[in-house]
């Protein structure tokens, strides 16, 4: 009974995280979103494993990071008009995966962030495409467990332009934050590198941007979310 209760709590916790806290926190108690944060360490990464990175440049409202090779387990693309709804739907699969519904029947530790790669639609009422991914713990990365309807993404080392924002992720904020990141990068060498990477079909060409979510819905302060624009630079 205690184990079942714990599993239900973990599922509620994770789905709430991915739904922007809906049905968990009344909007009147939600903190005002603060955009353009730079260099704030996500609090959850002091408690659970997160991918390691090096900050190579801090700009006005953004930073450039370099990530080593990482492994992610990902859903197939989900067509939806809402990032929040698509992410909630996708996470049922990811939660089952870490609870042992994989070919190795292996339970896997929770990590952060959970990311949603976004490929927007061409029109306001058309469905976008969302691929939701779970960062595989380092100890599992040499041989990540396969699973039905999920696929493994093995990321090569890459650079990522990052904009941080606080509060709870919602469909109304992510587009604005992504546009703000794009605007802050304009005229920089980083913007040119991002564009070239997309044109060459390299890192970052498979989506317009990525949303990274780190926190529990029960954390009222210190919330950190991120917009990512991955790219590569020829060394």
Protein backbone atom coordinates (compact mmCIF):
# COMPACT_ATOMS: atom_id res chain seq x y z
CA UNK A 1 0.00 0.00 0.00
CA UNK A 2 2.82 2.39 0.89
CA UNK A 3 4.64 1.59 -2.38
CA UNK A 4 1.49 2.18 -4.43
CA UNK A 5 0.91 5.45 -2.61
CA UNK A 6 4.47 6.56 -3.32
CA UNK A 7 4.15 5.71 -7.02
CA UNK A 8 0.89 7.64 -7.25
CA UNK A 9 2.52 10.63 -5.55
CA UNK A 10 5.49 10.53 -7.93
CA UNK A 11 3.19 10.33 -10.94
CA UNK A 12 1.09 13.25 -9.67
CA UNK A 13 4.26 15.21 -8.94
CA UNK A 14 5.73 14.70 -12.39
CA UNK A 15 2.52 15.32 -14.30
CA UNK A 16 1.95 18.48 -12.31
CA UNK A 17 5.47 19.65 -13.15
CA UNK A 18 4.75 19.16 -16.81
CA UNK A 19 1.30 20.77 -16.74
CA UNK A 20 2.56 24.04 -15.31
CA UNK A 21 1.10 23.23 -11.93
CA UNK A 22 -2.52 23.24 -13.12
CA UNK A 23 -4.91 21.72 -10.58
CA UNK A 24 -2.11 21.90 -8.01
CA UNK A 25 -1.62 25.59 -7.33
CA UNK A 26 -4.28 28.26 -7.59
CA UNK A 27 -3.11 30.97 -10.05
CA UNK A 28 -3.39 33.65 -7.35
CA UNK A 29 -0.46 32.05 -5.52
CA UNK A 30 1.79 31.70 -8.54
CA UNK A 31 4.91 33.87 -8.55
CA UNK A 32 5.32 36.55 -11.19
CA UNK A 33 7.49 35.24 -14.00
CA UNK A 34 10.92 36.79 -14.18
CA UNK A 35 12.50 36.62 -17.64
CA UNK A 36 16.02 36.90 -18.89
CA UNK A 37 17.69 35.35 -15.87
CA UNK A 38 21.32 34.41 -16.46
CA UNK A 39 23.39 31.84 -14.66
CA UNK A 40 20.85 30.80 -12.02
CA UNK A 41 21.59 27.25 -10.94
CA UNK A 42 18.39 25.15 -11.06
CA UNK A 43 17.71 24.12 -7.42
CA UNK A 44 16.62 20.63 -8.41
CA UNK A 45 20.11 19.92 -9.78
CA UNK A 46 21.48 19.96 -6.24
CA UNK A 47 19.17 17.05 -5.41
CA UNK A 48 18.94 14.97 -8.57
CA UNK A 49 21.23 14.41 -11.54
CA UNK A 50 21.32 16.94 -14.39
CA UNK A 51 23.51 16.99 -17.51
CA UNK A 52 26.82 18.75 -16.94
CA UNK A 53 27.79 21.83 -18.93
CA UNK A 54 30.34 24.61 -19.17
CA UNK A 55 29.30 28.26 -19.58
CA UNK A 56 31.45 29.67 -22.38
CA UNK A 57 29.80 33.10 -22.67
CA UNK A 58 27.29 35.20 -20.71
CA UNK A 59 25.43 37.79 -22.76
CA UNK A 60 22.58 40.25 -22.21
CA UNK A 61 19.72 37.98 -21.11
CA UNK A 62 21.28 34.76 -22.38
CA UNK A 63 24.23 32.45 -21.91
CA UNK A 64 26.06 30.03 -24.17
CA UNK A 65 26.80 26.58 -22.74
CA UNK A 66 28.77 23.65 -23.99
CA UNK A 67 27.36 20.23 -23.15
CA UNK A 68 29.31 16.99 -23.44
CA UNK A 69 27.73 13.98 -25.14
CA UNK A 70 24.45 12.99 -23.45
CA UNK A 71 21.74 10.35 -23.85
CA UNK A 72 17.99 10.97 -23.74
CA UNK A 73 14.94 8.70 -23.98
CA UNK A 74 12.30 10.34 -26.13
CA UNK A 75 8.70 9.97 -27.18
CA UNK A 76 7.67 9.92 -30.80
CA UNK A 77 6.54 13.38 -32.01
CA UNK A 78 3.12 14.34 -30.63
CA UNK A 79 0.82 16.57 -32.64
CA UNK A 80 -1.05 19.09 -30.50
CA UNK A 81 -1.88 22.78 -30.28
CA UNK A 82 -0.68 22.92 -26.67
CA UNK A 83 2.82 22.25 -25.35
CA UNK A 84 1.39 21.76 -21.85
CA UNK A 85 -1.12 19.15 -23.02
CA UNK A 86 1.35 17.35 -25.28
CA UNK A 87 3.97 17.18 -22.54
CA UNK A 88 1.46 15.84 -20.02
CA UNK A 89 0.34 13.15 -22.46
CA UNK A 90 3.90 12.19 -23.36
CA UNK A 91 5.05 11.91 -19.79
CA UNK A 92 2.77 8.96 -19.03
CA UNK A 93 5.11 6.99 -21.30
CA UNK A 94 8.26 8.37 -19.70
CA UNK A 95 7.01 7.76 -16.18
CA UNK A 96 6.19 4.15 -17.04
CA UNK A 97 9.67 3.83 -18.56
CA UNK A 98 11.52 4.90 -15.40
CA UNK A 99 9.25 2.69 -13.29
CA UNK A 100 10.46 -0.38 -15.21
CA UNK A 101 8.29 -0.59 -18.32
CA UNK A 102 11.27 -1.13 -20.61
CA UNK A 103 12.98 -4.11 -22.17
CA UNK A 104 15.36 -4.47 -19.23
CA UNK A 105 12.57 -4.20 -16.61
CA UNK A 106 14.88 -1.66 -15.02
CA UNK A 107 13.85 1.08 -12.60
CA UNK A 108 15.65 4.33 -13.35
CA UNK A 109 16.34 7.34 -11.14
CA UNK A 110 14.53 10.60 -11.84
CA UNK A 111 16.65 13.35 -13.39
CA UNK A 112 16.20 16.92 -14.63
CA UNK A 113 15.39 18.59 -16.84
CA UNK A 114 12.52 17.13 -18.79
CA UNK A 115 12.71 18.77 -22.21
CA UNK A 116 10.16 19.37 -24.97
CA UNK A 117 11.51 19.95 -28.47
CA UNK A 118 9.08 22.23 -30.31
CA UNK A 119 8.40 22.44 -34.02
CA UNK A 120 5.66 25.09 -34.36
CA UNK A 121 2.83 24.87 -36.86
CA UNK A 122 2.44 27.21 -39.83
CA UNK A 123 -0.87 28.66 -38.61
CA UNK A 124 -2.52 29.73 -35.35
CA UNK A 125 -5.00 26.84 -35.32
CA UNK A 126 -2.71 24.13 -36.66
CA UNK A 127 -1.08 21.50 -34.47
CA UNK A 128 2.59 21.77 -33.60
CA UNK A 129 4.94 18.84 -33.09
CA UNK A 130 6.41 18.09 -29.66
CA UNK A 131 9.05 15.51 -28.73
CA UNK A 132 9.40 15.06 -24.97
CA UNK A 133 12.61 13.62 -23.53
CA UNK A 134 13.99 12.36 -20.23
CA UNK A 135 17.71 12.76 -19.47
CA UNK A 136 19.14 9.27 -18.92
CA UNK A 137 21.28 9.05 -15.74
CA UNK A 138 25.00 8.83 -16.44
CA UNK A 139 25.28 5.31 -15.05
CA UNK A 140 22.64 4.09 -17.55
CA UNK A 141 23.97 5.94 -20.59
CA UNK A 142 26.41 3.23 -21.81
CA UNK A 143 23.45 0.86 -22.27
CA UNK A 144 20.12 2.71 -22.03
CA UNK A 145 17.09 0.45 -21.80
CA UNK A 146 15.03 0.33 -25.02
CA UNK A 147 11.25 0.56 -24.78
CA UNK A 148 8.23 0.32 -27.06
CA UNK A 149 7.10 3.64 -28.60
CA UNK A 150 10.18 5.41 -27.23
CA UNK A 151 13.51 6.00 -28.92
CA UNK A 152 16.99 6.80 -27.69
CA UNK A 153 18.62 10.08 -28.64
CA UNK A 154 22.40 10.11 -28.38
CA UNK A 155 23.50 13.72 -28.46
CA UNK A 156 26.96 14.58 -29.64
CA UNK A 157 28.76 17.42 -27.81
CA UNK A 158 27.02 20.69 -28.61
CA UNK A 159 26.59 24.32 -27.76
CA UNK A 160 23.28 25.66 -26.48
CA UNK A 161 22.04 29.25 -26.31
CA UNK A 162 19.91 29.49 -23.16
CA UNK A 163 17.36 31.94 -21.81
CA UNK A 164 16.06 31.35 -18.30
CA UNK A 165 12.68 32.35 -16.90
CA UNK A 166 10.88 31.66 -13.66
CA UNK A 167 7.29 30.83 -12.75
CA UNK A 168 5.27 28.02 -14.23
CA UNK A 169 5.57 27.10 -17.90
CA UNK A 170 2.45 27.87 -19.91
CA UNK A 171 1.54 27.95 -23.58
CA UNK A 172 1.32 31.74 -23.45
CA UNK A 173 4.85 32.22 -22.12
CA UNK A 174 7.07 29.81 -24.04
CA UNK A 175 6.61 31.47 -27.43
CA UNK A 176 7.38 34.89 -25.96
CA UNK A 177 10.47 33.60 -24.19
CA UNK A 178 11.73 31.87 -27.35
CA UNK A 179 11.21 35.09 -29.34
CA UNK A 180 13.04 37.07 -26.64
CA UNK A 181 16.01 34.71 -26.82
CA UNK A 182 16.12 35.04 -30.59
CA UNK A 183 15.99 38.83 -30.28
CA UNK A 184 18.77 38.99 -27.68
CA UNK A 185 21.04 36.94 -29.95
CA UNK A 186 20.55 39.10 -33.05
CA UNK A 187 23.75 40.60 -34.41
CA UNK A 188 25.98 38.20 -32.47
CA UNK A 189 28.33 35.53 -33.78
CA UNK A 190 26.19 33.02 -31.88
CA UNK A 191 23.13 33.88 -34.00
CA UNK A 192 25.16 33.22 -37.14
CA UNK A 193 26.36 29.88 -35.79
CA UNK A 194 22.80 28.85 -34.89
CA UNK A 195 21.54 29.76 -38.36
CA UNK A 196 24.40 27.92 -40.09
CA UNK A 197 23.81 24.81 -37.98
CA UNK A 198 20.14 24.79 -39.01
CA UNK A 199 20.94 25.38 -42.69
CA UNK A 200 23.47 22.55 -42.69
CA UNK A 201 20.93 20.16 -41.16
CA UNK A 202 23.07 19.75 -38.06
CA UNK A 203 22.40 20.17 -34.35
CA UNK A 204 19.23 22.17 -33.73
CA UNK A 205 17.77 21.73 -37.20
CA UNK A 206 15.09 19.27 -36.05
CA UNK A 207 13.13 21.80 -33.97
CA UNK A 208 12.59 25.54 -33.60
CA UNK A 209 13.48 25.55 -29.90
CA UNK A 210 13.45 23.38 -26.78
CA UNK A 211 11.75 24.01 -23.42
CA UNK A 212 13.54 22.64 -20.34
CA UNK A 213 11.67 22.25 -17.03
CA UNK A 214 13.48 21.60 -13.73
CA UNK A 215 11.30 22.18 -10.69
CA UNK A 216 8.69 20.54 -8.51
CA UNK A 217 5.29 22.30 -8.71
CA UNK A 218 5.46 22.75 -4.95
CA UNK A 219 8.44 25.10 -5.14
CA UNK A 220 7.18 28.68 -5.01
CA UNK A 221 10.54 30.41 -5.25
CA UNK A 222 13.71 29.75 -7.18
CA UNK A 223 11.83 28.25 -10.12
CA UNK A 224 13.99 27.92 -13.21
CA UNK A 225 12.84 27.05 -16.71
CA UNK A 226 14.85 27.46 -19.89
CA UNK A 227 14.53 27.95 -23.62
CA UNK A 228 17.29 26.13 -25.51
CA UNK A 229 18.64 26.74 -29.02
CA UNK A 230 21.19 23.96 -29.65
CA UNK A 231 23.83 24.41 -32.35
CA UNK A 232 27.26 23.22 -33.38
CA UNK A 233 30.49 25.01 -34.17
CA UNK A 234 33.12 23.47 -36.39
CA UNK A 235 36.26 23.25 -34.25
